[in-house]
Amino acid sequence: MHSSNHIIKFTNDTTVVGLINKDNESAYREEVQELESKARSLPTCHQRLLSGDRQEHQVPWCSQAENLTWTLNTSSITKRAQQRLYFLRKLREAHLPSPILTTFYRGTVESILSSGIITWFGNCTAFDRKTLQRIVRTAEKIIGVSLPSITNIYITCCIRKATNIVKDPTHPSHELFSLLPSGRSGFAGTGTI
């Protein structure tokens, strides 16, 4: 629909990549809504799997585990972040200063930890949160400086998202938020972010 968007079809997944200019997500959201409406009009096709003597359905696009936890997601994020910590250690062995190590951490490790965090972190188990926080603590030891906790990263991302929703009257959740009376900072509303 829009030249600023590209749809990439994988074997079992479809990705919409959109250019968001000046926090205007409307073209991207229109593309996603159009794709979603087309997908809903197609007949559903669930794969039937045989597990012992019972049949189970598998929805190919579901990213949560069957027990509806985010543990698989957390495990994947943890594994990728730990791989990047190796390079952080190598940079420390090369005696790079803390500001450069911190920049590297934010770009390669924290970016993985915060990817989609608004979606999944609120429903993580305490064990999963501790696992993610261990990555942050390990990075702190490597760099030698204090870093934002995984919970603070989540809160910062939520505030940033809520701020963007309030600024964008075309956003579907815009009406769920209203600014607090003047002189006070923050948001009031029924939005769950």
N, C-alpha and C. Protein backbone atom coordinates (compact mmCIF):
# COMPACT_ATOMS: atom_id res chain seq x y z
N MET A 1 0.81 -1.20 0.00
CA MET A 1 0.00 0.00 0.00
C MET A 1 0.86 1.27 0.00
N HIS A 2 1.97 1.26 0.73
CA HIS A 2 2.81 2.45 0.86
C HIS A 2 4.23 2.11 0.44
N SER A 3 4.87 3.03 -0.25
CA SER A 3 6.23 2.78 -0.72
C SER A 3 7.25 2.75 0.42
N SER A 4 6.89 3.29 1.58
CA SER A 4 7.81 3.27 2.72
C SER A 4 7.81 1.94 3.45
N ASN A 5 6.93 1.01 3.05
CA ASN A 5 6.82 -0.30 3.69
C ASN A 5 7.25 -1.41 2.75
N HIS A 6 7.77 -2.46 3.33
CA HIS A 6 8.12 -3.66 2.57
C HIS A 6 7.60 -4.86 3.33
N ILE A 7 7.01 -5.80 2.60
CA ILE A 7 6.52 -7.03 3.20
C ILE A 7 7.46 -8.15 2.79
N ILE A 8 7.98 -8.85 3.80
CA ILE A 8 8.91 -9.94 3.56
C ILE A 8 8.25 -11.23 4.00
N LYS A 9 8.12 -12.16 3.11
CA LYS A 9 7.47 -13.44 3.40
C LYS A 9 8.53 -14.50 3.61
N PHE A 10 8.52 -15.12 4.78
CA PHE A 10 9.41 -16.23 5.08
C PHE A 10 8.60 -17.52 4.98
N THR A 11 9.23 -18.65 5.21
CA THR A 11 8.56 -19.93 5.11
C THR A 11 7.34 -19.99 6.02
N ASN A 12 7.50 -19.59 7.29
CA ASN A 12 6.40 -19.69 8.24
C ASN A 12 6.12 -18.36 8.93
N ASP A 13 6.48 -17.26 8.30
CA ASP A 13 6.33 -15.98 8.95
C ASP A 13 6.27 -14.88 7.90
N THR A 14 5.63 -13.78 8.24
CA THR A 14 5.60 -12.60 7.39
C THR A 14 6.03 -11.41 8.22
N THR A 15 6.89 -10.59 7.67
CA THR A 15 7.39 -9.42 8.38
C THR A 15 7.08 -8.18 7.57
N VAL A 16 6.59 -7.15 8.25
CA VAL A 16 6.37 -5.85 7.62
C VAL A 16 7.46 -4.93 8.14
N VAL A 17 8.24 -4.37 7.23
CA VAL A 17 9.29 -3.42 7.58
C VAL A 17 8.83 -2.07 7.05
N GLY A 18 8.78 -1.08 7.95
CA GLY A 18 8.30 0.23 7.54
C GLY A 18 9.22 1.34 7.99
N LEU A 19 9.31 2.36 7.18
CA LEU A 19 10.07 3.55 7.53
C LEU A 19 9.15 4.46 8.33
N ILE A 20 9.52 4.70 9.60
CA ILE A 20 8.74 5.58 10.46
C ILE A 20 9.49 6.89 10.54
N ASN A 21 8.87 7.93 10.00
CA ASN A 21 9.52 9.23 9.92
C ASN A 21 8.82 10.19 10.87
N LYS A 22 9.58 10.84 11.76
CA LYS A 22 9.06 11.82 12.72
C LYS A 22 7.95 11.22 13.57
N ASP A 23 8.14 10.00 14.03
CA ASP A 23 7.19 9.28 14.90
C ASP A 23 5.81 9.08 14.27
N ASN A 24 5.69 9.19 12.95
CA ASN A 24 4.43 8.96 12.27
C ASN A 24 4.39 7.50 11.82
N GLU A 25 3.62 6.70 12.54
CA GLU A 25 3.52 5.27 12.26
C GLU A 25 2.29 4.91 11.44
N SER A 26 1.53 5.89 10.97
CA SER A 26 0.24 5.62 10.35
C SER A 26 0.35 4.73 9.10
N ALA A 27 1.31 4.99 8.22
CA ALA A 27 1.45 4.17 7.01
C ALA A 27 1.80 2.73 7.37
N TYR A 28 2.67 2.58 8.36
CA TYR A 28 3.07 1.24 8.81
C TYR A 28 1.86 0.50 9.40
N ARG A 29 1.10 1.19 10.26
CA ARG A 29 -0.05 0.55 10.89
C ARG A 29 -1.12 0.18 9.87
N GLU A 30 -1.34 1.06 8.86
CA GLU A 30 -2.31 0.74 7.81
C GLU A 30 -1.91 -0.53 7.07
N GLU A 31 -0.61 -0.65 6.80
CA GLU A 31 -0.10 -1.84 6.10
C GLU A 31 -0.34 -3.10 6.94
N VAL A 32 -0.05 -3.01 8.21
CA VAL A 32 -0.24 -4.17 9.11
C VAL A 32 -1.72 -4.53 9.20
N GLN A 33 -2.60 -3.52 9.32
CA GLN A 33 -4.04 -3.78 9.40
C GLN A 33 -4.55 -4.42 8.12
N GLU A 34 -4.08 -3.95 6.96
CA GLU A 34 -4.49 -4.53 5.68
C GLU A 34 -4.04 -5.98 5.58
N LEU A 35 -2.79 -6.23 5.97
CA LEU A 35 -2.26 -7.60 5.95
C LEU A 35 -3.04 -8.50 6.90
N GLU A 36 -3.36 -7.96 8.06
CA GLU A 36 -4.12 -8.72 9.05
C GLU A 36 -5.52 -9.06 8.54
N SER A 37 -6.19 -8.10 7.90
CA SER A 37 -7.53 -8.36 7.38
C SER A 37 -7.50 -9.40 6.26
N LYS A 38 -6.45 -9.34 5.42
CA LYS A 38 -6.32 -10.35 4.37
C LYS A 38 -6.08 -11.73 4.98
N ALA A 39 -5.27 -11.78 6.02
CA ALA A 39 -4.97 -13.07 6.67
C ALA A 39 -6.22 -13.65 7.31
N ARG A 40 -7.07 -12.80 7.86
CA ARG A 40 -8.30 -13.29 8.49
C ARG A 40 -9.28 -13.83 7.47
N SER A 41 -9.24 -13.31 6.24
CA SER A 41 -10.17 -13.77 5.22
C SER A 41 -9.75 -15.11 4.63
N LEU A 42 -8.50 -15.51 4.85
CA LEU A 42 -8.04 -16.81 4.35
C LEU A 42 -8.52 -17.92 5.26
N PRO A 43 -8.76 -19.10 4.71
CA PRO A 43 -9.14 -20.20 5.59
C PRO A 43 -7.99 -20.53 6.54
N THR A 44 -8.34 -20.82 7.79
CA THR A 44 -7.29 -21.14 8.76
C THR A 44 -6.74 -22.51 8.47
N CYS A 45 -5.46 -22.65 8.65
CA CYS A 45 -4.85 -23.95 8.41
C CYS A 45 -3.96 -24.27 9.60
N HIS A 46 -4.43 -25.15 10.41
CA HIS A 46 -3.66 -25.61 11.56
C HIS A 46 -3.02 -26.94 11.19
N GLN A 47 -1.81 -27.12 11.63
CA GLN A 47 -1.16 -28.40 11.41
C GLN A 47 -1.61 -29.36 12.50
N ARG A 48 -1.95 -30.56 12.11
CA ARG A 48 -2.29 -31.56 13.11
C ARG A 48 -1.05 -32.38 13.41
N LEU A 49 -0.74 -32.46 14.69
CA LEU A 49 0.42 -33.23 15.13
C LEU A 49 -0.08 -34.41 15.94
N LEU A 50 0.54 -35.52 15.77
CA LEU A 50 0.21 -36.69 16.58
C LEU A 50 1.18 -36.76 17.74
N SER A 51 0.65 -36.77 18.94
CA SER A 51 1.45 -36.87 20.14
C SER A 51 0.92 -38.05 20.94
N GLY A 52 1.59 -39.15 20.83
CA GLY A 52 1.09 -40.37 21.48
C GLY A 52 -0.17 -40.80 20.76
N ASP A 53 -1.27 -40.95 21.49
CA ASP A 53 -2.52 -41.37 20.88
C ASP A 53 -3.54 -40.22 20.80
N ARG A 54 -3.05 -38.98 20.93
CA ARG A 54 -3.97 -37.85 20.82
C ARG A 54 -3.49 -36.89 19.74
N GLN A 55 -4.41 -36.17 19.17
CA GLN A 55 -4.07 -35.18 18.17
C GLN A 55 -3.98 -33.81 18.82
N GLU A 56 -2.99 -33.04 18.41
CA GLU A 56 -2.84 -31.67 18.91
C GLU A 56 -2.80 -30.74 17.72
N HIS A 57 -3.21 -29.51 17.94
CA HIS A 57 -3.15 -28.49 16.91
C HIS A 57 -1.98 -27.58 17.20
N GLN A 58 -1.26 -27.20 16.17
CA GLN A 58 -0.18 -26.25 16.30
C GLN A 58 -0.48 -25.07 15.40
N VAL A 59 -0.49 -23.87 15.98
CA VAL A 59 -0.70 -22.66 15.20
C VAL A 59 0.68 -22.16 14.79
N PRO A 60 1.00 -22.17 13.49
CA PRO A 60 2.36 -21.85 13.07
C PRO A 60 2.86 -20.48 13.47
N TRP A 61 1.98 -19.48 13.65
CA TRP A 61 2.45 -18.13 13.93
C TRP A 61 2.52 -17.81 15.40
N CYS A 62 2.21 -18.74 16.27
CA CYS A 62 2.21 -18.46 17.70
C CYS A 62 3.64 -18.43 18.23
N SER A 63 3.99 -17.36 18.95
CA SER A 63 5.36 -17.22 19.44
C SER A 63 5.49 -17.60 20.91
N GLN A 64 4.38 -17.83 21.59
CA GLN A 64 4.45 -18.24 22.97
C GLN A 64 4.50 -19.76 23.03
N ALA A 65 5.00 -20.25 24.14
CA ALA A 65 5.01 -21.69 24.36
C ALA A 65 3.58 -22.16 24.57
N GLU A 66 3.35 -23.46 24.45
CA GLU A 66 2.00 -23.99 24.61
C GLU A 66 1.44 -23.74 26.00
N ASN A 67 2.31 -23.59 27.01
CA ASN A 67 1.82 -23.34 28.36
C ASN A 67 1.60 -21.85 28.60
N LEU A 68 1.63 -21.04 27.55
CA LEU A 68 1.36 -19.61 27.58
C LEU A 68 2.28 -18.84 28.52
N THR A 69 3.53 -19.22 28.56
CA THR A 69 4.54 -18.44 29.28
C THR A 69 5.52 -17.88 28.26
N TRP A 70 6.37 -17.00 28.73
CA TRP A 70 7.35 -16.37 27.86
C TRP A 70 8.74 -16.97 28.09
N THR A 71 8.81 -18.15 28.66
CA THR A 71 10.10 -18.77 28.99
C THR A 71 10.93 -19.06 27.75
N LEU A 72 10.31 -19.53 26.68
CA LEU A 72 11.08 -19.80 25.46
C LEU A 72 11.65 -18.50 24.89
N ASN A 73 10.86 -17.45 24.93
CA ASN A 73 11.32 -16.15 24.47
C ASN A 73 12.49 -15.67 25.33
N THR A 74 12.35 -15.79 26.64
CA THR A 74 13.41 -15.37 27.56
C THR A 74 14.68 -16.17 27.34
N SER A 75 14.54 -17.47 27.14
CA SER A 75 15.71 -18.32 26.89
C SER A 75 16.44 -17.90 25.62
N SER A 76 15.68 -17.59 24.59
CA SER A 76 16.29 -17.16 23.32
C SER A 76 17.01 -15.83 23.50
N ILE A 77 16.38 -14.89 24.18
CA ILE A 77 17.00 -13.59 24.42
C ILE A 77 18.25 -13.75 25.26
N THR A 78 18.18 -14.56 26.30
CA THR A 78 19.33 -14.79 27.19
C THR A 78 20.50 -15.37 26.42
N LYS A 79 20.23 -16.34 25.58
CA LYS A 79 21.30 -16.98 24.81
C LYS A 79 21.98 -15.97 23.88
N ARG A 80 21.19 -15.17 23.18
CA ARG A 80 21.77 -14.18 22.27
C ARG A 80 22.56 -13.11 23.02
N ALA A 81 22.01 -12.68 24.16
CA ALA A 81 22.71 -11.64 24.94
C ALA A 81 24.02 -12.18 25.51
N GLN A 82 24.03 -13.42 25.97
CA GLN A 82 25.26 -14.02 26.51
C GLN A 82 26.33 -14.14 25.44
N GLN A 83 25.93 -14.43 24.22
CA GLN A 83 26.90 -14.49 23.13
C GLN A 83 27.56 -13.14 22.92
N ARG A 84 26.79 -12.06 23.04
CA ARG A 84 27.34 -10.71 22.86
C ARG A 84 28.25 -10.31 24.02
N LEU A 85 28.01 -10.86 25.23
CA LEU A 85 28.86 -10.55 26.38
C LEU A 85 30.30 -11.01 26.14
N TYR A 86 30.47 -12.06 25.34
CA TYR A 86 31.81 -12.53 25.00
C TYR A 86 32.62 -11.40 24.35
N PHE A 87 31.98 -10.70 23.41
CA PHE A 87 32.67 -9.60 22.71
C PHE A 87 32.93 -8.43 23.65
N LEU A 88 32.01 -8.21 24.60
CA LEU A 88 32.22 -7.16 25.59
C LEU A 88 33.46 -7.48 26.44
N ARG A 89 33.61 -8.75 26.81
CA ARG A 89 34.80 -9.16 27.57
C ARG A 89 36.08 -8.94 26.76
N LYS A 90 36.02 -9.26 25.49
CA LYS A 90 37.20 -9.08 24.63
C LYS A 90 37.57 -7.59 24.52
N LEU A 91 36.59 -6.73 24.44
CA LEU A 91 36.87 -5.30 24.38
C LEU A 91 37.47 -4.81 25.71
N ARG A 92 37.01 -5.36 26.82
CA ARG A 92 37.60 -4.98 28.11
C ARG A 92 39.04 -5.45 28.18
N GLU A 93 39.32 -6.66 27.67
CA GLU A 93 40.70 -7.17 27.65
C GLU A 93 41.60 -6.28 26.79
N ALA A 94 41.02 -5.59 25.83
CA ALA A 94 41.79 -4.67 24.99
C ALA A 94 41.94 -3.30 25.66
N HIS A 95 41.48 -3.18 26.91
CA HIS A 95 41.62 -1.99 27.75
C HIS A 95 40.88 -0.77 27.19
N LEU A 96 39.71 -1.00 26.60
CA LEU A 96 38.90 0.13 26.15
C LEU A 96 38.28 0.81 27.37
N PRO A 97 38.06 2.11 27.30
CA PRO A 97 37.49 2.83 28.43
C PRO A 97 36.00 2.49 28.65
N SER A 98 35.53 2.71 29.88
CA SER A 98 34.15 2.37 30.25
C SER A 98 33.09 3.01 29.35
N PRO A 99 33.23 4.28 28.94
CA PRO A 99 32.19 4.85 28.07
C PRO A 99 32.03 4.10 26.75
N ILE A 100 33.12 3.64 26.18
CA ILE A 100 33.03 2.88 24.92
C ILE A 100 32.41 1.51 25.19
N LEU A 101 32.79 0.87 26.30
CA LEU A 101 32.21 -0.42 26.65
C LEU A 101 30.70 -0.28 26.90
N THR A 102 30.31 0.81 27.55
CA THR A 102 28.89 1.04 27.82
C THR A 102 28.12 1.24 26.52
N THR A 103 28.69 2.00 25.60
CA THR A 103 28.05 2.20 24.30
C THR A 103 27.90 0.87 23.56
N PHE A 104 28.94 0.05 23.60
CA PHE A 104 28.87 -1.27 22.97
C PHE A 104 27.78 -2.11 23.62
N TYR A 105 27.72 -2.11 24.95
CA TYR A 105 26.70 -2.87 25.68
C TYR A 105 25.30 -2.43 25.26
N ARG A 106 25.07 -1.12 25.23
CA ARG A 106 23.73 -0.60 24.90
C ARG A 106 23.32 -0.99 23.48
N GLY A 107 24.28 -0.97 22.56
CA GLY A 107 23.96 -1.27 21.17
C GLY A 107 23.85 -2.74 20.86
N THR A 108 24.56 -3.59 21.60
CA THR A 108 24.57 -5.01 21.24
C THR A 108 23.88 -5.93 22.24
N VAL A 109 23.90 -5.58 23.52
CA VAL A 109 23.29 -6.45 24.53
C VAL A 109 21.94 -5.88 24.99
N GLU A 110 21.94 -4.63 25.42
CA GLU A 110 20.69 -4.04 25.91
C GLU A 110 19.64 -3.98 24.80
N SER A 111 20.06 -3.78 23.56
CA SER A 111 19.10 -3.75 22.46
C SER A 111 18.40 -5.10 22.30
N ILE A 112 19.10 -6.18 22.58
CA ILE A 112 18.49 -7.51 22.53
C ILE A 112 17.53 -7.68 23.70
N LEU A 113 17.97 -7.27 24.90
CA LEU A 113 17.14 -7.40 26.09
C LEU A 113 15.85 -6.58 25.96
N SER A 114 15.91 -5.45 25.29
CA SER A 114 14.74 -4.56 25.21
C SER A 114 13.90 -4.79 23.96
N SER A 115 14.28 -5.70 23.09
CA SER A 115 13.54 -5.94 21.86
C SER A 115 12.15 -6.52 22.18
N GLY A 116 11.12 -5.75 21.91
CA GLY A 116 9.75 -6.19 22.17
C GLY A 116 9.41 -6.30 23.64
N ILE A 117 10.18 -5.68 24.51
CA ILE A 117 10.02 -5.85 25.96
C ILE A 117 8.64 -5.44 26.46
N ILE A 118 8.01 -4.47 25.80
CA ILE A 118 6.68 -4.02 26.21
C ILE A 118 5.68 -5.16 26.09
N THR A 119 5.87 -6.02 25.12
CA THR A 119 4.95 -7.11 24.87
C THR A 119 5.07 -8.23 25.90
N TRP A 120 6.28 -8.62 26.24
CA TRP A 120 6.46 -9.85 27.00
C TRP A 120 6.90 -9.67 28.44
N PHE A 121 7.59 -8.60 28.80
CA PHE A 121 8.19 -8.51 30.14
C PHE A 121 7.15 -8.52 31.26
N GLY A 122 6.03 -7.85 31.06
CA GLY A 122 5.00 -7.78 32.10
C GLY A 122 4.43 -9.14 32.46
N ASN A 123 4.55 -10.12 31.59
CA ASN A 123 4.01 -11.45 31.85
C ASN A 123 5.09 -12.50 32.08
N CYS A 124 6.33 -12.05 32.27
CA CYS A 124 7.42 -12.99 32.57
C CYS A 124 7.30 -13.51 34.00
N THR A 125 7.82 -14.68 34.20
CA THR A 125 7.89 -15.22 35.56
C THR A 125 9.03 -14.54 36.31
N ALA A 126 9.00 -14.62 37.62
CA ALA A 126 10.08 -14.05 38.44
C ALA A 126 11.41 -14.70 38.08
N PHE A 127 11.39 -15.99 37.79
CA PHE A 127 12.61 -16.70 37.42
C PHE A 127 13.19 -16.13 36.12
N ASP A 128 12.32 -15.89 35.13
CA ASP A 128 12.77 -15.33 33.85
C ASP A 128 13.35 -13.94 34.04
N ARG A 129 12.73 -13.14 34.90
CA ARG A 129 13.24 -11.78 35.16
C ARG A 129 14.61 -11.83 35.81
N LYS A 130 14.79 -12.76 36.74
CA LYS A 130 16.10 -12.91 37.39
C LYS A 130 17.16 -13.34 36.39
N THR A 131 16.78 -14.21 35.47
CA THR A 131 17.70 -14.67 34.43
C THR A 131 18.16 -13.49 33.58
N LEU A 132 17.23 -12.65 33.19
CA LEU A 132 17.57 -11.48 32.38
C LEU A 132 18.40 -10.47 33.17
N GLN A 133 18.08 -10.31 34.46
CA GLN A 133 18.83 -9.37 35.29
C GLN A 133 20.27 -9.83 35.48
N ARG A 134 20.49 -11.15 35.48
CA ARG A 134 21.87 -11.67 35.60
C ARG A 134 22.73 -11.21 34.43
N ILE A 135 22.14 -11.11 33.25
CA ILE A 135 22.87 -10.61 32.08
C ILE A 135 23.33 -9.17 32.36
N VAL A 136 22.43 -8.35 32.88
CA VAL A 136 22.76 -6.95 33.17
C VAL A 136 23.87 -6.89 34.23
N ARG A 137 23.74 -7.70 35.29
CA ARG A 137 24.76 -7.70 36.35
C ARG A 137 26.12 -8.14 35.83
N THR A 138 26.13 -9.14 34.94
CA THR A 138 27.39 -9.59 34.35
C THR A 138 28.02 -8.47 33.54
N ALA A 139 27.21 -7.76 32.78
CA ALA A 139 27.73 -6.63 31.99
C ALA A 139 28.27 -5.54 32.91
N GLU A 140 27.60 -5.29 34.03
CA GLU A 140 28.09 -4.29 34.98
C GLU A 140 29.47 -4.66 35.51
N LYS A 141 29.67 -5.94 35.80
CA LYS A 141 30.97 -6.40 36.30
C LYS A 141 32.05 -6.26 35.22
N ILE A 142 31.68 -6.56 33.99
CA ILE A 142 32.65 -6.45 32.90
C ILE A 142 33.05 -4.99 32.67
N ILE A 143 32.06 -4.11 32.62
CA ILE A 143 32.31 -2.70 32.31
C ILE A 143 32.85 -1.95 33.52
N GLY A 144 32.32 -2.31 34.70
CA GLY A 144 32.73 -1.60 35.91
C GLY A 144 31.90 -0.37 36.21
N VAL A 145 30.70 -0.30 35.66
CA VAL A 145 29.79 0.81 35.94
C VAL A 145 28.39 0.25 36.22
N SER A 146 27.55 1.07 36.83
CA SER A 146 26.17 0.69 37.09
C SER A 146 25.35 0.87 35.82
N LEU A 147 24.49 -0.09 35.53
CA LEU A 147 23.64 -0.05 34.34
C LEU A 147 22.17 -0.13 34.76
N PRO A 148 21.26 0.36 33.92
CA PRO A 148 19.83 0.27 34.27
C PRO A 148 19.40 -1.20 34.39
N SER A 149 18.59 -1.48 35.40
CA SER A 149 18.09 -2.85 35.59
C SER A 149 17.12 -3.19 34.45
N ILE A 150 16.82 -4.47 34.32
CA ILE A 150 15.90 -4.90 33.27
C ILE A 150 14.51 -4.30 33.51
N THR A 151 14.12 -4.14 34.77
CA THR A 151 12.84 -3.51 35.09
C THR A 151 12.84 -2.05 34.69
N ASN A 152 13.93 -1.33 34.93
CA ASN A 152 14.02 0.07 34.52
C ASN A 152 13.99 0.22 33.00
N ILE A 153 14.62 -0.72 32.30
CA ILE A 153 14.57 -0.70 30.83
C ILE A 153 13.13 -0.85 30.36
N TYR A 154 12.40 -1.77 30.99
CA TYR A 154 10.98 -1.99 30.67
C TYR A 154 10.15 -0.73 30.91
N ILE A 155 10.33 -0.11 32.07
CA ILE A 155 9.57 1.09 32.41
C ILE A 155 9.88 2.22 31.43
N THR A 156 11.15 2.40 31.10
CA THR A 156 11.54 3.44 30.15
C THR A 156 10.89 3.21 28.79
N CYS A 157 10.90 1.96 28.32
CA CYS A 157 10.27 1.64 27.02
C CYS A 157 8.76 1.88 27.06
N CYS A 158 8.12 1.55 28.18
CA CYS A 158 6.68 1.77 28.31
C CYS A 158 6.34 3.25 28.29
N ILE A 159 7.12 4.04 29.01
CA ILE A 159 6.88 5.49 29.04
C ILE A 159 7.09 6.08 27.65
N ARG A 160 8.14 5.64 26.97
CA ARG A 160 8.40 6.15 25.61
C ARG A 160 7.25 5.78 24.68
N LYS A 161 6.74 4.55 24.79
CA LYS A 161 5.63 4.13 23.93
C LYS A 161 4.37 4.91 24.25
N ALA A 162 4.07 5.09 25.54
CA ALA A 162 2.88 5.85 25.93
C ALA A 162 2.97 7.29 25.44
N THR A 163 4.15 7.88 25.54
CA THR A 163 4.36 9.25 25.07
C THR A 163 4.09 9.34 23.57
N ASN A 164 4.58 8.38 22.80
CA ASN A 164 4.34 8.37 21.35
C ASN A 164 2.86 8.19 21.02
N ILE A 165 2.17 7.37 21.81
CA ILE A 165 0.73 7.17 21.58
C ILE A 165 -0.04 8.45 21.84
N VAL A 166 0.32 9.15 22.91
CA VAL A 166 -0.35 10.41 23.24
C VAL A 166 -0.12 11.46 22.15
N LYS A 167 1.08 11.47 21.58
CA LYS A 167 1.42 12.46 20.53
C LYS A 167 0.74 12.15 19.19
N ASP A 168 0.34 10.90 18.97
CA ASP A 168 -0.17 10.47 17.67
C ASP A 168 -1.68 10.24 17.72
N PRO A 169 -2.48 11.19 17.28
CA PRO A 169 -3.94 11.03 17.35
C PRO A 169 -4.47 9.92 16.43
N THR A 170 -3.67 9.43 15.49
CA THR A 170 -4.13 8.35 14.60
C THR A 170 -3.88 6.97 15.20
N HIS A 171 -3.16 6.92 16.32
CA HIS A 171 -2.86 5.63 16.93
C HIS A 171 -4.14 5.03 17.51
N PRO A 172 -4.38 3.72 17.31
CA PRO A 172 -5.62 3.10 17.81
C PRO A 172 -5.81 3.23 19.34
N SER A 173 -4.74 3.34 20.09
CA SER A 173 -4.85 3.44 21.55
C SER A 173 -4.80 4.88 22.06
N HIS A 174 -4.77 5.85 21.15
CA HIS A 174 -4.64 7.25 21.54
C HIS A 174 -5.73 7.68 22.53
N GLU A 175 -6.95 7.25 22.31
CA GLU A 175 -8.06 7.67 23.16
C GLU A 175 -8.00 7.08 24.56
N LEU A 176 -7.17 6.06 24.76
CA LEU A 176 -7.06 5.45 26.08
C LEU A 176 -6.22 6.26 27.05
N PHE A 177 -5.50 7.27 26.55
CA PHE A 177 -4.60 8.07 27.37
C PHE A 177 -5.04 9.52 27.38
N SER A 178 -4.83 10.15 28.51
CA SER A 178 -5.02 11.59 28.60
C SER A 178 -3.95 12.13 29.54
N LEU A 179 -3.48 13.35 29.24
CA LEU A 179 -2.47 13.96 30.08
C LEU A 179 -3.07 14.33 31.42
N LEU A 180 -2.27 14.25 32.48
CA LEU A 180 -2.72 14.66 33.80
C LEU A 180 -2.89 16.18 33.82
N PRO A 181 -3.62 16.70 34.80
CA PRO A 181 -3.79 18.16 34.88
C PRO A 181 -2.45 18.87 34.85
N SER A 182 -2.45 20.12 34.37
CA SER A 182 -1.19 20.84 34.20
C SER A 182 -0.46 20.96 35.53
N GLY A 183 0.86 20.98 35.42
CA GLY A 183 1.69 21.05 36.62
C GLY A 183 2.11 19.68 37.12
N ARG A 184 1.53 18.64 36.56
CA ARG A 184 1.88 17.28 36.97
C ARG A 184 2.34 16.52 35.74
N SER A 185 3.33 15.70 35.92
CA SER A 185 3.82 14.92 34.78
C SER A 185 3.23 13.53 34.83
N GLY A 186 3.18 12.89 33.69
CA GLY A 186 2.69 11.52 33.62
C GLY A 186 1.41 11.43 32.80
N PHE A 187 0.77 10.27 32.86
CA PHE A 187 -0.41 9.99 32.08
C PHE A 187 -1.49 9.44 32.98
N ALA A 188 -2.73 9.69 32.62
CA ALA A 188 -3.85 9.08 33.28
C ALA A 188 -4.65 8.39 32.20
N GLY A 189 -5.27 7.31 32.51
CA GLY A 189 -6.06 6.64 31.50
C GLY A 189 -6.26 5.19 31.80
N THR A 190 -6.91 4.52 30.87
CA THR A 190 -7.21 3.12 31.05
C THR A 190 -6.27 2.24 30.28
N GLY A 191 -5.29 2.81 29.61
CA GLY A 191 -4.35 2.04 28.80
C GLY A 191 -3.50 1.12 29.64
N THR A 192 -3.21 -0.05 29.11
CA THR A 192 -2.34 -1.00 29.81
C THR A 192 -1.03 -1.08 29.07
N ILE A 193 -0.13 -0.24 29.44
CA ILE A 193 1.20 -0.26 28.83
C ILE A 193 2.22 -0.32 29.93
